[in-house]
Amino acid sequence: MKQLQKATAKRCDRQRTGTASKPGALVSHWRLLPTAPHTMLTINKLISQGHGLAPALLKRAAAVVLDWDTRQKSRFDTEDSQGRMLGVFLPRGTAVRGGDVLVAEDGSLVKVIATPQPVLVVRTCPEHGSPLDLLRAACILLDVPMPHLPVEFRIEKDAI
């Protein structure tokens, strides 16, 4: 706590004078910025679908409800069902899925609940097209090569 106060005092001094103070220099207007104890819990580990965890642990774990826009980020802040603020710092490129379990720095577990999201369902119609038309549309819209003919694909509704 003292290190935090010293760092805050130095930051406050730099903000007041515009420069860093020399060690041992007297500061006439010593005032600490209000600091809260570590209220944000850091999370940097993800257990995919909670594999290997006992059901009793998952049952009593806190939960966090996230939409896809948040879950696709590797770094974000959120609040869990117990009211704790969480700072999530996962490896870049990691997407969080519904059912995954996040592990906090204090060892507590947080279940991820994916928010239901409206999607458009596109299917082939024998009267107006073929599965090949669906494949062509999927390749154009998703810009992904598809090795087989899909029966359907789902895309997020867009404002355009």
N, C-alpha and C. Protein backbone atom coordinates (compact mmCIF):
# COMPACT_ATOMS: atom_id res chain seq x y z
N MET A 1 0.83 -1.19 0.00
CA MET A 1 0.00 0.00 0.00
C MET A 1 0.88 1.25 0.00
N LYS A 2 2.00 1.20 0.75
CA LYS A 2 2.88 2.37 0.79
C LYS A 2 3.49 2.65 -0.57
N GLN A 3 3.83 1.56 -1.32
CA GLN A 3 4.37 1.76 -2.66
C GLN A 3 3.34 2.42 -3.57
N LEU A 4 2.08 2.04 -3.41
CA LEU A 4 1.01 2.63 -4.21
C LEU A 4 0.87 4.11 -3.87
N GLN A 5 0.96 4.45 -2.57
CA GLN A 5 0.85 5.85 -2.15
C GLN A 5 2.02 6.66 -2.69
N LYS A 6 3.24 6.08 -2.65
CA LYS A 6 4.41 6.80 -3.17
C LYS A 6 4.27 7.04 -4.67
N ALA A 7 3.82 6.01 -5.40
CA ALA A 7 3.66 6.16 -6.84
C ALA A 7 2.60 7.20 -7.15
N THR A 8 1.50 7.21 -6.39
CA THR A 8 0.44 8.18 -6.59
C THR A 8 0.94 9.58 -6.27
N ALA A 9 1.73 9.69 -5.19
CA ALA A 9 2.28 11.00 -4.81
C ALA A 9 3.21 11.53 -5.90
N LYS A 10 4.05 10.67 -6.46
CA LYS A 10 4.94 11.10 -7.53
C LYS A 10 4.13 11.55 -8.75
N ARG A 11 3.07 10.79 -9.08
CA ARG A 11 2.24 11.15 -10.21
C ARG A 11 1.56 12.49 -9.96
N CYS A 12 1.08 12.70 -8.73
CA CYS A 12 0.43 13.95 -8.36
C CYS A 12 1.42 15.10 -8.46
N ASP A 13 2.67 14.87 -8.00
CA ASP A 13 3.70 15.91 -8.03
C ASP A 13 4.03 16.27 -9.47
N ARG A 14 4.14 15.25 -10.34
CA ARG A 14 4.44 15.52 -11.75
C ARG A 14 3.32 16.29 -12.41
N GLN A 15 2.09 15.99 -12.04
CA GLN A 15 0.96 16.70 -12.63
C GLN A 15 0.94 18.16 -12.16
N ARG A 16 1.32 18.40 -10.89
CA ARG A 16 1.29 19.75 -10.34
C ARG A 16 2.39 20.62 -10.93
N THR A 17 3.62 20.08 -11.03
CA THR A 17 4.76 20.87 -11.46
C THR A 17 5.06 20.70 -12.95
N GLY A 18 4.56 19.64 -13.53
CA GLY A 18 4.84 19.40 -14.94
C GLY A 18 6.15 18.66 -15.16
N THR A 19 6.91 18.39 -14.10
CA THR A 19 8.16 17.64 -14.21
C THR A 19 8.24 16.64 -13.08
N ALA A 20 9.14 15.74 -13.21
CA ALA A 20 9.38 14.78 -12.13
C ALA A 20 10.23 15.43 -11.06
N SER A 21 9.89 15.19 -9.80
CA SER A 21 10.66 15.79 -8.70
C SER A 21 11.91 14.99 -8.43
N LYS A 22 12.91 15.66 -7.87
CA LYS A 22 14.15 15.00 -7.52
C LYS A 22 13.95 14.27 -6.20
N PRO A 23 14.63 13.14 -6.02
CA PRO A 23 14.50 12.43 -4.75
C PRO A 23 14.95 13.32 -3.60
N GLY A 24 14.18 13.35 -2.55
CA GLY A 24 14.53 14.13 -1.36
C GLY A 24 14.08 15.57 -1.43
N ALA A 25 13.50 16.01 -2.54
CA ALA A 25 13.04 17.40 -2.65
C ALA A 25 11.78 17.58 -1.82
N LEU A 26 11.64 18.76 -1.23
CA LEU A 26 10.45 19.06 -0.44
C LEU A 26 9.31 19.47 -1.36
N VAL A 27 8.16 18.99 -1.07
CA VAL A 27 6.97 19.35 -1.84
C VAL A 27 6.08 20.16 -0.92
N SER A 28 5.78 21.39 -1.32
CA SER A 28 5.03 22.28 -0.44
C SER A 28 3.56 21.89 -0.33
N HIS A 29 2.95 21.45 -1.41
CA HIS A 29 1.54 21.10 -1.39
C HIS A 29 1.38 19.59 -1.59
N TRP A 30 1.67 18.84 -0.57
CA TRP A 30 1.61 17.39 -0.64
C TRP A 30 0.17 16.93 -0.49
N ARG A 31 -0.33 16.29 -1.52
CA ARG A 31 -1.70 15.80 -1.48
C ARG A 31 -1.79 14.53 -2.30
N LEU A 32 -2.29 13.49 -1.71
CA LEU A 32 -2.45 12.23 -2.42
C LEU A 32 -3.77 12.22 -3.16
N LEU A 33 -3.73 11.67 -4.36
CA LEU A 33 -4.97 11.46 -5.08
C LEU A 33 -5.74 10.34 -4.40
N PRO A 34 -7.06 10.42 -4.37
CA PRO A 34 -7.81 9.34 -3.73
C PRO A 34 -7.60 8.04 -4.48
N THR A 35 -7.21 7.03 -3.75
CA THR A 35 -6.99 5.73 -4.36
C THR A 35 -7.87 4.70 -3.68
N ALA A 36 -8.43 3.84 -4.47
CA ALA A 36 -9.23 2.75 -3.93
C ALA A 36 -8.36 1.51 -3.89
N PRO A 37 -8.58 0.66 -2.93
CA PRO A 37 -7.83 -0.60 -2.93
C PRO A 37 -8.17 -1.34 -4.22
N HIS A 38 -7.35 -2.32 -4.57
CA HIS A 38 -7.56 -3.04 -5.82
C HIS A 38 -8.97 -3.59 -5.88
N THR A 39 -9.85 -2.83 -6.52
CA THR A 39 -11.23 -3.28 -6.64
C THR A 39 -11.46 -4.03 -7.95
N MET A 40 -10.53 -3.88 -8.90
CA MET A 40 -10.68 -4.60 -10.16
C MET A 40 -9.89 -5.89 -10.10
N LEU A 41 -10.56 -6.97 -10.37
CA LEU A 41 -9.94 -8.28 -10.36
C LEU A 41 -9.39 -8.57 -11.76
N THR A 42 -8.15 -9.01 -11.83
CA THR A 42 -7.53 -9.30 -13.12
C THR A 42 -7.75 -10.76 -13.49
N ILE A 43 -8.13 -10.97 -14.74
CA ILE A 43 -8.34 -12.32 -15.26
C ILE A 43 -7.44 -12.50 -16.47
N ASN A 44 -6.63 -13.56 -16.45
CA ASN A 44 -5.74 -13.81 -17.59
C ASN A 44 -5.70 -15.29 -17.98
N LYS A 45 -6.70 -16.05 -17.52
CA LYS A 45 -6.73 -17.47 -17.86
C LYS A 45 -8.15 -17.87 -18.22
N LEU A 46 -8.28 -18.72 -19.24
CA LEU A 46 -9.57 -19.19 -19.70
C LEU A 46 -9.55 -20.71 -19.74
N ILE A 47 -10.59 -21.34 -19.19
CA ILE A 47 -10.75 -22.79 -19.28
C ILE A 47 -11.91 -23.03 -20.24
N SER A 48 -11.60 -23.59 -21.39
CA SER A 48 -12.59 -23.80 -22.44
C SER A 48 -13.70 -24.73 -21.94
N GLN A 49 -14.92 -24.21 -21.96
CA GLN A 49 -16.13 -24.94 -21.56
C GLN A 49 -16.04 -25.52 -20.15
N GLY A 50 -15.11 -25.05 -19.33
CA GLY A 50 -14.98 -25.52 -17.96
C GLY A 50 -14.54 -26.95 -17.83
N HIS A 51 -13.85 -27.48 -18.88
CA HIS A 51 -13.41 -28.88 -18.86
C HIS A 51 -12.49 -29.14 -17.68
N GLY A 52 -12.75 -30.23 -16.98
CA GLY A 52 -11.91 -30.65 -15.87
C GLY A 52 -12.31 -30.05 -14.54
N LEU A 53 -13.31 -29.17 -14.52
CA LEU A 53 -13.75 -28.56 -13.26
C LEU A 53 -14.94 -29.33 -12.69
N ALA A 54 -14.97 -29.43 -11.38
CA ALA A 54 -16.07 -30.12 -10.72
C ALA A 54 -17.37 -29.33 -10.88
N PRO A 55 -18.49 -30.01 -11.09
CA PRO A 55 -19.78 -29.32 -11.24
C PRO A 55 -20.12 -28.44 -10.03
N ALA A 56 -19.70 -28.83 -8.84
CA ALA A 56 -19.98 -28.03 -7.65
C ALA A 56 -19.27 -26.68 -7.71
N LEU A 57 -18.05 -26.66 -8.25
CA LEU A 57 -17.32 -25.40 -8.40
C LEU A 57 -18.01 -24.50 -9.42
N LEU A 58 -18.46 -25.09 -10.52
CA LEU A 58 -19.13 -24.30 -11.55
C LEU A 58 -20.47 -23.75 -11.06
N LYS A 59 -21.14 -24.52 -10.21
CA LYS A 59 -22.44 -24.10 -9.71
C LYS A 59 -22.34 -22.86 -8.84
N ARG A 60 -21.29 -22.77 -8.03
CA ARG A 60 -21.18 -21.62 -7.12
C ARG A 60 -20.31 -20.49 -7.68
N ALA A 61 -19.82 -20.65 -8.89
CA ALA A 61 -18.99 -19.61 -9.50
C ALA A 61 -19.85 -18.41 -9.91
N ALA A 62 -19.25 -17.22 -9.87
CA ALA A 62 -19.93 -16.02 -10.35
C ALA A 62 -20.14 -16.14 -11.86
N ALA A 63 -21.02 -15.33 -12.39
CA ALA A 63 -21.29 -15.38 -13.83
C ALA A 63 -21.15 -13.98 -14.43
N VAL A 64 -20.86 -13.96 -15.70
CA VAL A 64 -20.80 -12.70 -16.44
C VAL A 64 -21.51 -12.93 -17.78
N VAL A 65 -22.39 -12.00 -18.15
CA VAL A 65 -23.15 -12.11 -19.39
C VAL A 65 -22.51 -11.17 -20.42
N LEU A 66 -22.07 -11.75 -21.54
CA LEU A 66 -21.34 -10.97 -22.55
C LEU A 66 -21.94 -11.17 -23.93
N ASP A 67 -21.99 -10.10 -24.70
CA ASP A 67 -22.43 -10.22 -26.09
C ASP A 67 -21.22 -10.56 -26.96
N TRP A 68 -21.47 -10.85 -28.23
CA TRP A 68 -20.39 -11.29 -29.12
C TRP A 68 -19.36 -10.20 -29.32
N ASP A 69 -19.79 -8.95 -29.41
CA ASP A 69 -18.84 -7.86 -29.63
C ASP A 69 -17.80 -7.80 -28.51
N THR A 70 -18.20 -8.09 -27.29
CA THR A 70 -17.26 -8.10 -26.15
C THR A 70 -16.47 -9.39 -26.12
N ARG A 71 -17.14 -10.53 -26.37
CA ARG A 71 -16.47 -11.83 -26.27
C ARG A 71 -15.38 -12.03 -27.31
N GLN A 72 -15.43 -11.31 -28.43
CA GLN A 72 -14.40 -11.49 -29.45
C GLN A 72 -13.15 -10.69 -29.15
N LYS A 73 -13.20 -9.84 -28.12
CA LYS A 73 -12.02 -9.06 -27.73
C LYS A 73 -11.20 -9.85 -26.73
N SER A 74 -9.89 -9.65 -26.74
CA SER A 74 -9.03 -10.35 -25.79
C SER A 74 -8.80 -9.52 -24.53
N ARG A 75 -9.14 -8.23 -24.58
CA ARG A 75 -8.99 -7.36 -23.41
C ARG A 75 -10.25 -6.51 -23.26
N PHE A 76 -10.89 -6.63 -22.09
CA PHE A 76 -12.10 -5.85 -21.83
C PHE A 76 -12.36 -5.80 -20.33
N ASP A 77 -13.18 -4.83 -19.93
CA ASP A 77 -13.62 -4.70 -18.54
C ASP A 77 -15.10 -5.04 -18.48
N THR A 78 -15.51 -5.66 -17.39
CA THR A 78 -16.91 -6.01 -17.21
C THR A 78 -17.20 -6.19 -15.72
N GLU A 79 -18.44 -6.43 -15.40
CA GLU A 79 -18.84 -6.65 -14.00
C GLU A 79 -19.52 -8.01 -13.91
N ASP A 80 -19.19 -8.78 -12.85
CA ASP A 80 -19.78 -10.11 -12.72
C ASP A 80 -21.05 -10.06 -11.87
N SER A 81 -21.67 -11.21 -11.66
CA SER A 81 -22.94 -11.29 -10.94
C SER A 81 -22.81 -10.95 -9.46
N GLN A 82 -21.58 -10.93 -8.95
CA GLN A 82 -21.35 -10.57 -7.55
C GLN A 82 -21.01 -9.09 -7.39
N GLY A 83 -21.03 -8.35 -8.50
CA GLY A 83 -20.76 -6.92 -8.44
C GLY A 83 -19.29 -6.55 -8.49
N ARG A 84 -18.42 -7.52 -8.72
CA ARG A 84 -16.98 -7.22 -8.80
C ARG A 84 -16.63 -6.74 -10.20
N MET A 85 -15.74 -5.76 -10.27
CA MET A 85 -15.24 -5.30 -11.57
C MET A 85 -14.13 -6.24 -12.01
N LEU A 86 -14.17 -6.66 -13.27
CA LEU A 86 -13.20 -7.59 -13.81
C LEU A 86 -12.45 -6.94 -14.97
N GLY A 87 -11.15 -7.09 -14.96
CA GLY A 87 -10.32 -6.68 -16.08
C GLY A 87 -9.80 -7.95 -16.74
N VAL A 88 -10.26 -8.23 -17.95
CA VAL A 88 -9.90 -9.47 -18.64
C VAL A 88 -8.76 -9.18 -19.61
N PHE A 89 -7.65 -9.91 -19.45
CA PHE A 89 -6.47 -9.77 -20.29
C PHE A 89 -6.06 -11.16 -20.78
N LEU A 90 -6.61 -11.57 -21.90
CA LEU A 90 -6.32 -12.89 -22.46
C LEU A 90 -5.33 -12.74 -23.61
N PRO A 91 -4.69 -13.83 -24.02
CA PRO A 91 -3.77 -13.74 -25.16
C PRO A 91 -4.49 -13.21 -26.40
N ARG A 92 -3.79 -12.41 -27.17
CA ARG A 92 -4.40 -11.82 -28.37
C ARG A 92 -4.95 -12.91 -29.29
N GLY A 93 -6.11 -12.63 -29.87
CA GLY A 93 -6.75 -13.59 -30.76
C GLY A 93 -7.66 -14.57 -30.06
N THR A 94 -7.73 -14.52 -28.73
CA THR A 94 -8.59 -15.43 -27.98
C THR A 94 -10.02 -14.90 -27.97
N ALA A 95 -10.96 -15.72 -28.38
CA ALA A 95 -12.38 -15.37 -28.31
C ALA A 95 -13.00 -16.17 -27.18
N VAL A 96 -13.83 -15.53 -26.39
CA VAL A 96 -14.50 -16.17 -25.26
C VAL A 96 -15.84 -16.69 -25.75
N ARG A 97 -16.17 -17.92 -25.44
CA ARG A 97 -17.42 -18.55 -25.87
C ARG A 97 -18.33 -18.75 -24.65
N GLY A 98 -19.61 -18.86 -24.92
CA GLY A 98 -20.55 -19.17 -23.85
C GLY A 98 -20.22 -20.53 -23.26
N GLY A 99 -20.18 -20.62 -21.94
CA GLY A 99 -19.81 -21.87 -21.28
C GLY A 99 -18.36 -21.91 -20.85
N ASP A 100 -17.53 -21.00 -21.36
CA ASP A 100 -16.14 -20.93 -20.93
C ASP A 100 -16.08 -20.45 -19.48
N VAL A 101 -14.98 -20.73 -18.82
CA VAL A 101 -14.78 -20.30 -17.44
C VAL A 101 -13.51 -19.46 -17.37
N LEU A 102 -13.63 -18.28 -16.79
CA LEU A 102 -12.48 -17.39 -16.60
C LEU A 102 -11.95 -17.60 -15.19
N VAL A 103 -10.63 -17.56 -15.05
CA VAL A 103 -9.99 -17.74 -13.74
C VAL A 103 -9.35 -16.42 -13.34
N ALA A 104 -9.75 -15.89 -12.19
CA ALA A 104 -9.23 -14.61 -11.70
C ALA A 104 -7.90 -14.83 -11.00
N GLU A 105 -7.19 -13.72 -10.75
CA GLU A 105 -5.88 -13.79 -10.09
C GLU A 105 -5.96 -14.35 -8.68
N ASP A 106 -7.14 -14.21 -8.02
CA ASP A 106 -7.29 -14.75 -6.67
C ASP A 106 -7.79 -16.19 -6.68
N GLY A 107 -7.93 -16.77 -7.88
CA GLY A 107 -8.35 -18.17 -7.99
C GLY A 107 -9.84 -18.36 -8.15
N SER A 108 -10.62 -17.28 -8.06
CA SER A 108 -12.07 -17.42 -8.20
C SER A 108 -12.43 -17.67 -9.66
N LEU A 109 -13.55 -18.35 -9.85
CA LEU A 109 -14.02 -18.73 -11.18
C LEU A 109 -15.18 -17.86 -11.61
N VAL A 110 -15.25 -17.55 -12.90
CA VAL A 110 -16.34 -16.75 -13.45
C VAL A 110 -16.84 -17.45 -14.71
N LYS A 111 -18.12 -17.88 -14.69
CA LYS A 111 -18.73 -18.52 -15.86
C LYS A 111 -19.12 -17.46 -16.88
N VAL A 112 -18.95 -17.77 -18.14
CA VAL A 112 -19.34 -16.86 -19.21
C VAL A 112 -20.67 -17.32 -19.79
N ILE A 113 -21.63 -16.40 -19.83
CA ILE A 113 -22.92 -16.67 -20.44
C ILE A 113 -23.02 -15.79 -21.68
N ALA A 114 -23.22 -16.40 -22.83
CA ALA A 114 -23.33 -15.66 -24.08
C ALA A 114 -24.75 -15.11 -24.23
N THR A 115 -24.84 -13.84 -24.56
CA THR A 115 -26.15 -13.24 -24.77
C THR A 115 -26.73 -13.75 -26.09
N PRO A 116 -28.01 -14.12 -26.08
CA PRO A 116 -28.62 -14.52 -27.35
C PRO A 116 -28.56 -13.35 -28.34
N GLN A 117 -28.30 -13.67 -29.58
CA GLN A 117 -28.12 -12.63 -30.58
C GLN A 117 -28.93 -12.98 -31.83
N PRO A 118 -29.65 -12.00 -32.36
CA PRO A 118 -30.43 -12.30 -33.57
C PRO A 118 -29.52 -12.52 -34.77
N VAL A 119 -29.84 -13.53 -35.57
CA VAL A 119 -29.07 -13.81 -36.79
C VAL A 119 -30.05 -14.06 -37.93
N LEU A 120 -29.56 -13.90 -39.12
CA LEU A 120 -30.34 -14.25 -40.31
C LEU A 120 -30.00 -15.68 -40.69
N VAL A 121 -30.99 -16.48 -41.00
CA VAL A 121 -30.76 -17.85 -41.44
C VAL A 121 -31.03 -17.89 -42.95
N VAL A 122 -30.03 -18.35 -43.69
CA VAL A 122 -30.13 -18.41 -45.14
C VAL A 122 -30.10 -19.88 -45.55
N ARG A 123 -31.15 -20.33 -46.25
CA ARG A 123 -31.25 -21.72 -46.69
C ARG A 123 -31.49 -21.75 -48.20
N THR A 124 -31.22 -22.88 -48.77
CA THR A 124 -31.51 -23.03 -50.20
C THR A 124 -32.99 -23.31 -50.41
N CYS A 125 -33.49 -22.85 -51.53
CA CYS A 125 -34.88 -23.08 -51.90
C CYS A 125 -34.88 -23.79 -53.25
N PRO A 126 -35.48 -24.99 -53.34
CA PRO A 126 -35.45 -25.73 -54.61
C PRO A 126 -36.09 -24.98 -55.77
N GLU A 127 -37.06 -24.10 -55.50
CA GLU A 127 -37.73 -23.37 -56.56
C GLU A 127 -36.88 -22.22 -57.11
N HIS A 128 -36.09 -21.59 -56.26
CA HIS A 128 -35.41 -20.36 -56.65
C HIS A 128 -33.89 -20.44 -56.66
N GLY A 129 -33.32 -21.56 -56.37
CA GLY A 129 -31.87 -21.65 -56.36
C GLY A 129 -31.41 -23.04 -56.01
N SER A 130 -30.10 -23.19 -55.94
CA SER A 130 -29.51 -24.49 -55.65
C SER A 130 -28.50 -24.33 -54.52
N PRO A 131 -28.03 -25.46 -53.97
CA PRO A 131 -26.97 -25.37 -52.95
C PRO A 131 -25.71 -24.68 -53.48
N LEU A 132 -25.49 -24.75 -54.76
CA LEU A 132 -24.33 -24.08 -55.34
C LEU A 132 -24.47 -22.55 -55.23
N ASP A 133 -25.71 -22.05 -55.38
CA ASP A 133 -25.95 -20.61 -55.20
C ASP A 133 -25.68 -20.20 -53.75
N LEU A 134 -26.06 -21.06 -52.82
CA LEU A 134 -25.80 -20.79 -51.40
C LEU A 134 -24.29 -20.77 -51.12
N LEU A 135 -23.57 -21.71 -51.71
CA LEU A 135 -22.13 -21.75 -51.56
C LEU A 135 -21.49 -20.48 -52.12
N ARG A 136 -21.95 -20.05 -53.29
CA ARG A 136 -21.43 -18.84 -53.91
C ARG A 136 -21.68 -17.62 -53.00
N ALA A 137 -22.89 -17.52 -52.47
CA ALA A 137 -23.24 -16.40 -51.58
C ALA A 137 -22.39 -16.42 -50.31
N ALA A 138 -22.19 -17.60 -49.75
CA ALA A 138 -21.37 -17.72 -48.54
C ALA A 138 -19.93 -17.30 -48.79
N CYS A 139 -19.39 -17.72 -49.92
CA CYS A 139 -18.00 -17.35 -50.25
C CYS A 139 -17.86 -15.85 -50.44
N ILE A 140 -18.88 -15.23 -51.05
CA ILE A 140 -18.82 -13.78 -51.27
C ILE A 140 -19.00 -13.03 -49.96
N LEU A 141 -20.02 -13.38 -49.18
CA LEU A 141 -20.32 -12.65 -47.94
C LEU A 141 -19.27 -12.87 -46.85
N LEU A 142 -18.84 -14.09 -46.67
CA LEU A 142 -17.93 -14.42 -45.58
C LEU A 142 -16.46 -14.36 -45.98
N ASP A 143 -16.19 -14.30 -47.27
CA ASP A 143 -14.82 -14.28 -47.79
C ASP A 143 -14.00 -15.43 -47.22
N VAL A 144 -14.62 -16.62 -47.21
CA VAL A 144 -13.98 -17.81 -46.66
C VAL A 144 -14.18 -18.95 -47.66
N PRO A 145 -13.12 -19.65 -48.01
CA PRO A 145 -13.31 -20.81 -48.89
C PRO A 145 -14.01 -21.93 -48.11
N MET A 146 -15.01 -22.52 -48.70
CA MET A 146 -15.76 -23.57 -48.02
C MET A 146 -15.56 -24.88 -48.78
N PRO A 147 -15.05 -25.92 -48.12
CA PRO A 147 -14.73 -27.17 -48.80
C PRO A 147 -15.93 -28.04 -49.14
N HIS A 148 -17.10 -27.78 -48.58
CA HIS A 148 -18.28 -28.61 -48.85
C HIS A 148 -19.50 -27.71 -49.02
N LEU A 149 -20.56 -28.27 -49.54
CA LEU A 149 -21.79 -27.51 -49.73
C LEU A 149 -22.56 -27.45 -48.42
N PRO A 150 -22.82 -26.26 -47.89
CA PRO A 150 -23.56 -26.18 -46.62
C PRO A 150 -25.07 -26.33 -46.85
N VAL A 151 -25.75 -26.77 -45.82
CA VAL A 151 -27.20 -26.84 -45.87
C VAL A 151 -27.77 -25.47 -45.51
N GLU A 152 -27.11 -24.79 -44.59
CA GLU A 152 -27.47 -23.43 -44.20
C GLU A 152 -26.26 -22.75 -43.59
N PHE A 153 -26.29 -21.44 -43.54
CA PHE A 153 -25.30 -20.70 -42.79
C PHE A 153 -25.98 -19.52 -42.14
N ARG A 154 -25.38 -19.03 -41.07
CA ARG A 154 -25.98 -17.95 -40.29
C ARG A 154 -25.03 -16.76 -40.28
N ILE A 155 -25.61 -15.58 -40.47
CA ILE A 155 -24.81 -14.36 -40.42
C ILE A 155 -25.50 -13.35 -39.52
N GLU A 156 -24.72 -12.46 -38.97
CA GLU A 156 -25.24 -11.43 -38.08
C GLU A 156 -26.02 -10.39 -38.89
N LYS A 157 -27.15 -9.95 -38.35
CA LYS A 157 -27.97 -8.96 -39.03
C LYS A 157 -27.17 -7.65 -39.10
N ASP A 158 -27.17 -7.02 -40.25
CA ASP A 158 -26.38 -5.80 -40.45
C ASP A 158 -27.34 -4.64 -40.75
N ALA A 159 -26.93 -3.43 -40.39
CA ALA A 159 -27.77 -2.26 -40.60
C ALA A 159 -27.89 -1.87 -42.07
N ILE A 160 -26.99 -2.36 -42.90
CA ILE A 160 -26.99 -1.98 -44.32
C ILE A 160 -28.07 -2.69 -45.08
